[in-house]
Protein backbone atom coordinates (compact mmCIF):
# COMPACT_ATOMS: atom_id res chain seq x y z
CA UNK A 1 5.69 -3.65 -9.81
CA UNK A 2 7.28 -0.91 -11.64
CA UNK A 3 8.34 -2.07 -15.14
CA UNK A 4 12.13 -1.65 -15.46
CA UNK A 5 12.52 0.99 -18.60
CA UNK A 6 13.75 -0.41 -21.87
CA UNK A 7 15.85 2.76 -22.59
CA UNK A 8 17.78 5.33 -19.88
CA UNK A 9 18.03 8.88 -21.40
CA UNK A 10 21.09 10.54 -19.75
CA UNK A 11 21.47 14.39 -19.67
CA UNK A 12 24.90 15.64 -18.35
CA UNK A 13 24.24 19.16 -17.31
CA UNK A 14 26.39 21.79 -16.08
CA UNK A 15 24.92 25.26 -15.24
CA UNK A 16 22.43 24.84 -18.01
CA UNK A 17 19.06 25.84 -16.20
CA UNK A 18 18.40 28.27 -19.07
CA UNK A 19 18.03 25.22 -21.41
CA UNK A 20 16.43 22.80 -19.20
CA UNK A 21 13.06 23.72 -19.28
CA UNK A 22 12.51 23.60 -23.32
CA UNK A 23 15.07 20.47 -23.16
CA UNK A 24 12.93 17.83 -20.63
CA UNK A 25 9.63 19.31 -21.67
CA UNK A 26 9.93 18.00 -25.63
CA UNK A 27 11.59 14.77 -23.96
CA UNK A 28 8.12 14.11 -21.96
CA UNK A 29 6.05 14.80 -24.79
CA UNK A 30 8.04 12.19 -26.91
CA UNK A 31 5.63 9.76 -28.87
CA UNK A 32 7.13 6.67 -26.99
CA UNK A 33 5.34 4.75 -23.98
CA UNK A 34 6.25 6.83 -20.41
CA UNK A 35 7.02 3.07 -18.55
CA UNK A 36 9.44 2.44 -21.40
CA UNK A 37 11.98 5.00 -20.59
CA UNK A 38 13.49 7.09 -17.92
CA UNK A 39 15.66 10.39 -17.68
CA UNK A 40 18.75 10.66 -15.57
CA UNK A 41 20.17 13.99 -15.45
CA UNK A 42 23.88 14.05 -14.13
CA UNK A 43 24.84 17.62 -12.71
CA UNK A 44 28.31 18.11 -12.51
CA UNK A 45 28.20 20.75 -9.49
CA UNK A 46 26.00 22.94 -11.24
CA UNK A 47 26.13 26.36 -9.41
CA UNK A 48 23.13 28.02 -10.74
CA UNK A 49 20.31 25.86 -9.25
CA UNK A 50 19.63 23.43 -12.04
CA UNK A 51 19.21 20.75 -9.37
CA UNK A 52 16.22 22.43 -7.28
CA UNK A 53 15.01 23.80 -10.69
CA UNK A 54 14.84 19.92 -11.90
CA UNK A 55 13.50 18.50 -8.97
CA UNK A 56 10.39 20.91 -8.48
CA UNK A 57 9.22 21.35 -11.93
CA UNK A 58 10.47 17.78 -13.48
CA UNK A 59 10.13 15.38 -10.22
CA UNK A 60 9.98 12.21 -12.45
CA UNK A 61 13.89 12.98 -13.52
CA UNK A 62 16.10 11.12 -11.86
CA UNK A 63 18.85 13.30 -10.19
CA UNK A 64 22.39 12.09 -9.91
CA UNK A 65 24.81 14.84 -8.65
CA UNK A 66 28.33 14.87 -8.77
CA UNK A 67 30.60 16.86 -5.92
CA UNK A 68 32.82 18.41 -8.93
CA UNK A 69 32.47 18.83 -12.81
CA UNK A 70 33.47 15.51 -14.30
CA UNK A 71 33.00 16.82 -17.97
CA UNK A 72 31.16 15.44 -20.32
CA UNK A 73 32.79 11.79 -20.63
CA UNK A 74 32.89 11.24 -17.35
CA UNK A 75 29.43 12.59 -16.14
CA UNK A 76 27.98 10.04 -19.16
CA UNK A 77 30.00 6.98 -17.50
CA UNK A 78 28.07 7.97 -14.05
CA UNK A 79 24.91 8.23 -16.03
CA UNK A 80 25.04 4.62 -17.20
CA UNK A 81 26.29 3.57 -14.00
CA UNK A 82 22.48 4.81 -12.30
CA UNK A 83 20.78 3.43 -16.00
CA UNK A 84 18.20 0.61 -15.94
CA UNK A 85 17.65 0.19 -19.71
CA UNK A 86 18.89 -1.95 -21.84
CA UNK A 87 19.72 1.04 -24.51
CA UNK A 88 21.50 4.21 -23.06
CA UNK A 89 21.00 7.51 -24.84
CA UNK A 90 22.94 10.59 -24.44
CA UNK A 91 21.20 13.93 -25.10
CA UNK A 92 22.96 17.34 -24.73
CA UNK A 93 20.78 19.92 -22.52
CA UNK A 94 21.00 22.74 -25.16
CA UNK A 95 18.25 20.55 -27.56
CA UNK A 96 14.91 20.05 -28.56
CA UNK A 97 13.60 16.76 -29.72
CA UNK A 98 10.84 16.04 -32.23
CA UNK A 99 8.07 13.60 -31.10
CA UNK A 100 9.20 10.45 -33.17
CA UNK A 101 12.86 11.05 -31.82
CA UNK A 102 13.21 8.31 -29.82
CA UNK A 103 10.72 5.57 -31.36
CA UNK A 104 13.15 5.84 -34.62
CA UNK A 105 16.34 5.69 -32.55
CA UNK A 106 15.09 2.35 -30.67
CA UNK A 107 13.49 1.15 -34.26
CA UNK A 108 16.80 1.38 -35.78
CA UNK A 109 19.29 -0.15 -33.28
CA UNK A 110 16.92 -3.15 -32.88
CA UNK A 111 17.04 -3.22 -36.83
CA UNK A 112 20.67 -5.15 -36.52
CA UNK A 113 22.16 -6.47 -33.69
CA UNK A 114 25.51 -5.62 -35.20
CA UNK A 115 24.82 -1.81 -34.78
CA UNK A 116 26.48 -0.19 -31.93
CA UNK A 117 24.85 3.07 -31.94
CA UNK A 118 22.48 5.13 -34.07
CA UNK A 119 23.39 9.42 -34.55
CA UNK A 120 20.04 11.28 -34.69
CA UNK A 121 19.50 14.33 -37.54
CA UNK A 122 20.56 17.39 -35.76
CA UNK A 123 19.32 20.56 -37.05
CA UNK A 124 20.48 23.57 -35.88
CA UNK A 125 17.95 25.21 -33.28
CA UNK A 126 17.51 29.00 -35.25
CA UNK A 127 16.24 27.93 -39.22
CA UNK A 128 16.47 30.66 -41.62
CA UNK A 129 14.56 32.19 -44.46
CA UNK A 130 15.61 33.35 -47.95
CA UNK A 131 15.75 37.03 -48.44
CA UNK A 132 15.90 37.64 -52.09
CA UNK A 133 17.49 40.82 -53.60
CA UNK A 134 16.74 41.38 -57.07
CA UNK A 135 17.94 44.65 -59.30
CA UNK A 136 18.71 45.52 -62.71
CA UNK A 137 22.12 44.46 -64.30
CA UNK A 138 24.64 46.48 -65.77
CA UNK A 139 28.46 45.88 -66.88
CA UNK A 140 30.51 46.76 -64.36
CA UNK A 141 32.39 49.23 -66.79
CA UNK A 142 29.25 51.37 -66.42
CA UNK A 143 30.35 52.12 -63.07
CA UNK A 144 34.32 52.80 -63.54
CA UNK A 145 36.48 54.54 -65.97
CA UNK A 146 37.79 50.93 -66.57
CA UNK A 147 36.90 48.35 -69.69
CA UNK A 148 35.26 45.14 -67.17
CA UNK A 149 32.17 43.19 -69.13
CA UNK A 150 31.52 41.69 -65.10
CA UNK A 151 27.57 41.63 -64.68
CA UNK A 152 27.01 43.41 -61.41
CA UNK A 153 23.57 44.70 -59.88
CA UNK A 154 23.77 46.47 -56.34
CA UNK A 155 26.24 47.27 -53.54
CA UNK A 156 25.02 45.31 -50.07
CA UNK A 157 26.31 47.12 -47.14
CA UNK A 158 25.13 45.49 -44.27
CA UNK A 159 22.06 43.51 -43.22
CA UNK A 160 21.42 44.27 -39.28
CA UNK A 161 19.46 41.62 -37.62
CA UNK A 162 17.20 43.58 -34.07
CA UNK A 163 18.76 40.47 -32.25
CA UNK A 164 22.51 40.83 -31.61
CA UNK A 165 22.35 36.93 -31.04
CA UNK A 166 21.45 36.22 -34.50
CA UNK A 167 23.67 38.68 -36.25
CA UNK A 168 26.75 36.17 -36.74
CA UNK A 169 24.73 33.52 -38.26
CA UNK A 170 23.56 35.77 -41.29
CA UNK A 171 24.71 33.99 -44.50
CA UNK A 172 25.49 35.87 -47.54
CA UNK A 173 24.63 32.59 -49.47
CA UNK A 174 24.60 33.31 -53.57
CA UNK A 175 24.77 35.95 -56.02
CA UNK A 176 27.48 37.93 -54.59
CA UNK A 177 30.74 38.69 -55.79
CA UNK A 178 33.89 38.82 -52.81
CA UNK A 179 34.01 41.66 -50.50
CA UNK A 180 34.97 45.16 -51.17
CA UNK A 181 37.14 46.64 -48.56
CA UNK A 182 37.03 50.43 -47.92
CA UNK A 183 35.75 52.68 -45.19
CA UNK A 184 32.93 50.47 -45.56
CA UNK A 185 32.88 46.89 -46.57
CA UNK A 186 30.18 46.12 -49.52
CA UNK A 187 29.72 43.51 -51.86
CA UNK A 188 28.45 43.76 -55.18
CA UNK A 189 25.62 41.48 -56.18
CA UNK A 190 25.03 39.68 -60.05
CA UNK A 191 21.98 40.92 -60.03
CA UNK A 192 20.30 38.39 -58.31
CA UNK A 193 21.27 37.23 -55.06
CA UNK A 194 20.15 36.00 -51.76
CA UNK A 195 20.76 36.24 -47.94
CA UNK A 196 20.04 33.24 -45.30
CA UNK A 197 18.12 35.49 -42.44
CA UNK A 198 18.34 33.43 -39.09
CA UNK A 199 14.70 33.26 -37.16
CA UNK A 200 14.61 32.91 -33.33
CA UNK A 201 11.57 30.44 -33.49
CA UNK A 202 10.33 31.32 -29.94
CA UNK A 203 9.97 35.09 -30.97
CA UNK A 204 6.47 36.73 -32.65
CA UNK A 205 8.49 38.66 -34.85
CA UNK A 206 12.02 39.14 -36.55
CA UNK A 207 13.35 42.70 -37.71
CA UNK A 208 16.09 43.87 -39.76
CA UNK A 209 17.72 46.83 -41.85
CA UNK A 210 19.14 46.07 -44.90
CA UNK A 211 21.71 48.89 -46.19
CA UNK A 212 21.84 48.83 -50.19
CA UNK A 213 24.18 51.43 -52.55
CA UNK A 214 23.89 51.68 -56.31
CA UNK A 215 26.97 52.00 -58.17
CA UNK A 216 28.61 55.62 -59.04
CA UNK A 217 27.32 56.04 -63.10
CA UNK A 218 29.09 58.08 -65.19
CA UNK A 219 25.94 58.46 -66.99
CA UNK A 220 23.50 58.76 -64.23
CA UNK A 221 21.86 55.21 -64.38
CA UNK A 222 19.24 54.58 -62.18
CA UNK A 223 18.52 51.21 -60.59
CA UNK A 224 15.47 49.60 -60.19
CA UNK A 225 15.69 46.69 -57.07
CA UNK A 226 13.15 44.51 -55.07
CA UNK A 227 13.46 42.76 -52.01
CA UNK A 228 11.43 39.42 -51.85
CA UNK A 229 10.22 36.54 -49.75
CA UNK A 230 9.45 33.87 -52.12
CA UNK A 231 7.69 35.70 -54.71
CA UNK A 232 5.98 38.53 -52.37
CA UNK A 233 7.36 41.73 -52.73
CA UNK A 234 8.52 43.23 -49.43
CA UNK A 235 10.62 46.17 -50.62
CA UNK A 236 10.27 47.78 -54.47
CA UNK A 237 12.31 50.60 -54.87
CA UNK A 238 14.36 53.19 -57.61
CA UNK A 239 17.93 53.86 -56.63
CA UNK A 240 19.51 57.04 -58.41
CA UNK A 241 23.29 56.78 -59.07
CA UNK A 242 25.51 56.24 -56.08
CA UNK A 243 22.54 56.43 -53.61
CA UNK A 244 22.19 54.80 -50.70
CA UNK A 245 18.96 53.79 -48.76
CA UNK A 246 18.33 51.38 -45.67
CA UNK A 247 15.66 49.50 -45.49
CA UNK A 248 13.61 48.62 -42.43
CA UNK A 249 11.77 45.06 -42.79
CA UNK A 250 9.38 43.71 -39.65
CA UNK A 251 8.19 39.79 -40.42
CA UNK A 252 6.23 37.64 -38.30
CA UNK A 253 7.64 34.58 -37.62
CA UNK A 254 4.22 32.62 -38.22
CA UNK A 255 4.36 34.43 -41.82
CA UNK A 256 7.50 32.81 -42.18
CA UNK A 257 6.97 29.26 -41.59
CA UNK A 258 6.49 27.62 -44.94
CA UNK A 259 9.98 29.45 -45.92
CA UNK A 260 11.90 28.42 -43.45
CA UNK A 261 15.24 26.65 -44.49
CA UNK A 262 17.20 24.53 -41.45
CA UNK A 263 20.80 23.72 -41.58
CA UNK A 264 22.20 20.13 -40.62
CA UNK A 265 24.50 20.75 -37.75
CA UNK A 266 25.03 16.99 -37.60
CA UNK A 267 24.78 13.92 -39.27
CA UNK A 268 27.40 11.70 -37.62
CA UNK A 269 30.80 12.44 -37.35
CA UNK A 270 33.53 12.25 -40.32
CA UNK A 271 36.87 11.22 -39.29
CA UNK A 272 39.60 12.17 -41.16
CA UNK A 273 42.91 9.62 -41.81
CA UNK A 274 44.80 12.53 -40.18
CA UNK A 275 42.51 11.59 -36.91
CA UNK A 276 40.62 15.09 -37.36
CA UNK A 277 36.96 14.71 -36.87
CA UNK A 278 34.20 17.33 -38.46
CA UNK A 279 30.52 17.45 -38.15
CA UNK A 280 28.78 15.51 -41.26
CA UNK A 281 27.18 18.64 -42.41
CA UNK A 282 29.69 20.81 -41.84
CA UNK A 283 31.04 22.84 -44.67
CA UNK A 284 34.52 24.75 -44.15
CA UNK A 285 35.51 27.16 -46.26
CA UNK A 286 39.01 28.82 -45.65
CA UNK A 287 38.71 29.68 -42.11
CA UNK A 288 35.15 29.57 -42.33
CA UNK A 289 32.73 26.53 -41.01
CA UNK A 290 29.09 26.87 -41.72
CA UNK A 291 26.31 24.00 -42.25
CA UNK A 292 24.57 22.48 -45.11
CA UNK A 293 20.82 23.41 -45.82
CA UNK A 294 18.98 20.10 -45.27
CA UNK A 295 18.56 18.50 -48.70
CA UNK A 296 17.39 14.78 -49.59
CA UNK A 297 21.29 13.55 -48.94
CA UNK A 298 20.38 14.14 -45.06
CA UNK A 299 16.84 12.15 -45.46
CA UNK A 300 18.73 8.85 -46.54
CA UNK A 301 20.45 6.43 -43.54
CA UNK A 302 23.80 5.73 -44.07
CA UNK A 303 26.57 3.60 -41.90
CA UNK A 304 28.79 6.49 -40.29
CA UNK A 305 32.73 6.77 -39.11
CA UNK A 306 31.73 8.07 -35.84
CA UNK A 307 28.51 9.67 -33.50
CA UNK A 308 28.20 12.86 -31.65
CA UNK A 309 27.48 12.50 -27.96
CA UNK A 310 24.39 15.06 -28.34
CA UNK A 311 21.93 12.89 -29.63
CA UNK A 312 22.74 9.27 -29.87
CA UNK A 313 21.32 5.71 -28.86
CA UNK A 314 23.60 2.89 -27.65
CA UNK A 315 23.55 -0.57 -26.51
CA UNK A 316 24.29 -0.60 -22.83
CA UNK A 317 26.27 -3.91 -22.89
CA UNK A 318 28.54 -2.68 -25.61
CA UNK A 319 29.22 0.50 -23.97
CA UNK A 320 30.36 -1.14 -21.16
CA UNK A 321 32.04 -3.65 -22.38
CA UNK A 322 33.95 -1.49 -23.93
CA UNK A 323 34.79 0.79 -20.90
CA UNK A 324 32.67 3.67 -21.80
CA UNK A 325 33.97 6.96 -22.95
CA UNK A 326 37.27 7.60 -21.75
CA UNK A 327 37.25 10.43 -18.84
CA UNK A 328 41.07 11.54 -19.43
CA UNK A 329 39.08 13.50 -22.42
CA UNK A 330 36.55 15.30 -20.38
CA UNK A 331 34.76 16.81 -23.46
CA UNK A 332 35.14 16.55 -26.84
CA UNK A 333 36.37 13.80 -29.38
CA UNK A 334 35.69 11.23 -26.52
CA UNK A 335 32.78 10.35 -28.70
CA UNK A 336 34.79 9.89 -32.14
CA UNK A 337 37.28 7.67 -29.96
CA UNK A 338 34.37 5.23 -28.80
CA UNK A 339 33.20 5.09 -32.28
CA UNK A 340 36.81 3.80 -33.38
CA UNK A 341 36.71 1.38 -30.48
CA UNK A 342 33.30 0.13 -31.19
CA UNK A 343 34.34 -0.11 -34.88
CA UNK A 344 37.43 -2.07 -33.95
CA UNK A 345 34.95 -4.61 -32.24
CA UNK A 346 33.13 -5.39 -35.35
CA UNK A 347 30.02 -2.99 -34.62
CA UNK A 348 28.43 -0.68 -36.92
CA UNK A 349 27.44 2.68 -36.29
CA UNK A 350 24.67 4.48 -38.09
CA UNK A 351 22.75 7.68 -39.30
CA UNK A 352 18.96 7.69 -38.74
CA UNK A 353 17.00 10.51 -40.22
CA UNK A 354 14.04 10.17 -38.67
CA UNK A 355 15.37 10.86 -35.46
CA UNK A 356 15.49 14.98 -35.51
CA UNK A 357 16.82 17.02 -32.72
CA UNK A 358 16.79 20.85 -32.79
CA UNK A 359 20.33 21.49 -31.26
CA UNK A 360 21.72 25.24 -30.36
CA UNK A 361 25.58 23.84 -30.62
CA UNK A 362 28.05 24.96 -28.01
CA UNK A 363 25.57 26.15 -25.75
CA UNK A 364 27.01 25.08 -22.81
CA UNK A 365 30.58 25.82 -24.18
CA UNK A 366 31.34 28.20 -27.05
CA UNK A 367 33.38 26.99 -29.72
CA UNK A 368 36.82 28.18 -30.22
CA UNK A 369 36.99 29.73 -26.74
CA UNK A 370 40.00 28.81 -25.07
CA UNK A 371 38.39 25.83 -23.30
CA UNK A 372 37.12 24.49 -26.28
CA UNK A 373 40.44 24.77 -28.62
CA UNK A 374 42.49 23.27 -25.64
CA UNK A 375 40.49 20.02 -25.39
CA UNK A 376 39.74 19.41 -29.03
CA UNK A 377 43.62 20.18 -29.68
CA UNK A 378 44.68 17.49 -27.18
CA UNK A 379 41.92 15.38 -27.64
CA UNK A 380 42.99 15.01 -31.13
CA UNK A 381 46.54 14.22 -30.34
CA UNK A 382 45.36 11.32 -27.65
CA UNK A 383 42.91 9.71 -30.22
CA UNK A 384 46.36 9.48 -32.61
CA UNK A 385 48.03 8.26 -30.07
CA UNK A 386 45.36 5.25 -29.22
CA UNK A 387 44.15 4.36 -32.58
CA UNK A 388 46.50 5.95 -36.02
CA UNK A 389 49.50 4.72 -37.55
CA UNK A 390 53.21 5.43 -35.68
CA UNK A 391 53.67 7.68 -38.77
CA UNK A 392 50.57 9.53 -38.87
CA UNK A 393 51.41 10.48 -34.89
CA UNK A 394 54.49 11.44 -35.89
CA UNK A 395 53.34 13.70 -38.50
CA UNK A 396 50.70 14.87 -36.28
CA UNK A 397 52.68 15.55 -33.39
CA UNK A 398 55.37 17.41 -35.90
CA UNK A 399 52.90 19.71 -37.03
CA UNK A 400 51.62 20.46 -33.92
CA UNK A 401 55.27 21.69 -32.63
CA UNK A 402 55.41 23.50 -36.04
CA UNK A 403 52.42 25.33 -34.91
CA UNK A 404 53.92 26.25 -31.58
CA UNK A 405 57.13 27.46 -33.18
CA UNK A 406 55.20 29.67 -35.79
CA UNK A 407 52.93 30.72 -32.72
CA UNK A 408 55.89 31.54 -30.71
CA UNK A 409 57.62 33.68 -33.54
CA UNK A 410 54.17 35.56 -34.21
CA UNK A 411 54.01 36.58 -30.73
CA UNK A 412 57.36 37.99 -30.65
CA UNK A 413 57.04 40.29 -33.84
CA UNK A 414 53.54 41.42 -32.16
CA UNK A 415 55.52 41.99 -28.77
CA UNK A 416 58.58 44.03 -30.69
CA UNK A 417 56.01 46.08 -32.49
CA UNK A 418 54.18 46.90 -29.51
CA UNK A 419 50.90 45.73 -31.65
CA UNK A 420 49.05 44.73 -28.14
CA UNK A 421 45.93 43.31 -29.43
CA UNK A 422 47.73 40.48 -31.65
CA UNK A 423 50.57 39.91 -29.16
CA UNK A 424 47.70 39.30 -26.68
CA UNK A 425 46.19 36.73 -29.47
CA UNK A 426 48.95 34.85 -30.29
CA UNK A 427 50.23 34.53 -26.72
CA UNK A 428 46.76 32.95 -25.99
CA UNK A 429 47.60 30.32 -29.03
CA UNK A 430 51.00 29.75 -27.39
CA UNK A 431 49.71 29.26 -23.81
CA UNK A 432 47.39 26.54 -25.07
CA UNK A 433 49.39 24.62 -27.34
CA UNK A 434 51.98 24.50 -24.43
CA UNK A 435 49.44 23.17 -22.43
CA UNK A 436 48.36 20.60 -24.56
CA UNK A 437 51.57 19.28 -25.41
CA UNK A 438 52.55 19.17 -21.55
CA UNK A 439 49.20 17.44 -20.96
CA UNK A 440 49.69 15.19 -23.35
CA UNK A 441 52.93 13.95 -22.87
CA UNK A 442 52.16 13.62 -19.21
CA UNK A 443 49.31 11.03 -20.15
CA UNK A 444 51.32 9.58 -23.14
CA UNK A 445 52.02 6.10 -21.02
CA UNK A 446 48.61 6.06 -20.32
CA UNK A 447 47.32 6.34 -24.09
CA UNK A 448 50.17 3.88 -25.18
CA UNK A 449 48.81 1.28 -22.88
CA UNK A 450 45.36 1.86 -24.19
CA UNK A 451 46.50 1.50 -27.40
CA UNK A 452 48.25 -2.08 -26.81
CA UNK A 453 44.88 -3.27 -25.25
CA UNK A 454 43.00 -2.14 -28.25
CA UNK A 455 45.16 -3.70 -30.57
CA UNK A 456 45.22 -6.77 -28.81
CA UNK A 457 41.63 -7.13 -28.50
CA UNK A 458 40.51 -5.70 -31.88
CA UNK A 459 38.40 -8.06 -34.48
CA UNK A 460 38.83 -5.11 -37.01
CA UNK A 461 42.40 -3.44 -37.64
CA UNK A 462 42.43 0.15 -37.76
CA UNK A 463 43.97 -0.31 -41.21
CA UNK A 464 40.88 -1.95 -42.48
CA UNK A 465 38.58 1.19 -40.95
CA UNK A 466 41.29 4.03 -42.16
CA UNK A 467 40.37 2.61 -45.91
CA UNK A 468 36.92 4.13 -45.19
CA UNK A 469 38.15 7.62 -43.40
CA UNK A 470 38.65 10.62 -45.83
């Protein structure tokens, strides 16, 4: 007689065939008794032969097919309906897990009956290595007629990675001044600077071209420079006054292994008092978001506000008791909503650093695409209505309507001046925001009823939870 598995791993797939080989291979390679877990793939009516691929290559996987795209939330719920385990694990397709991934999750959730969910440590799939730039240091006034005692080194014009997919991940990490814009945007170094270069761990080599320029010196100064990997010199050269050089560098991936740095894409979800959620690990500066490099802070277990559905273990009994994910969300914020409902029932949510996953992130839906923006914005407002105080709801809706008005005015402005590219950008924002408000008003009664039901059954008030939010 076949044993009933302890854990059901649920993977919701939509046209993710290109991710499935690496994802499923890594799951089948985990250090956990095979009789103690099952893998369920819920296919959301994919058109890329995902189902045939899995049936042919991973016959042990239980495939549940939907006749339409249910979205992540309802897809997960369908997976749970077909799950035999006492614990359910939700895992994204665009991931690769380490061997200890599941063992650490199970150990953590079993350690305390008050824990409802445990979140893995998700690292960005592509690691980085640090390219160091060292040069002589001069005063800024050495390159101009003005008096400026700012210490500068060289001007970095560009770093171009041979792999176009990795180019957006290049990070000017430290030792740089702000961009200087002209015909070619440049960044002055402060003498010693570092750039984080992304690596595809599946490839044998990485190639790049670094373009560096020296300052235009009145006295004809020469600048000694070195590009380094750790203590190893990759390039050593001397630039004449106002000289531009391109340096082509090719490195073997195996040579880089001891230098690789991983960024933490998620170690749980931080929820703010205005209802917004953010990956614990994400850093926002202005309009730019990037992820912190792994450090001792992320090696500590912690109680967190909410979990990510990309890799989490949940007690099946609790999941079913709470009604699972709210399928009105389709995808995004469904994990924040369930996390808040879980906390309001008195359960804890924990981050487990020993459970490690490599995550491509936004592999199945592009971040800040029209689709992404629409669902994130509507689901944020839905979460406000379900959980947050009336004054926070009013503030949130007033702000959103204000954003719509500003977007409309900018759209009109660029239409009048016939600046069609900017007009199209702002028209799309207007269309998305109108669609969001229409959707939320259509479903307002549904969410108001859910709010009342949650309030009536809660064991911990939202006011108590808000005290812990940022």
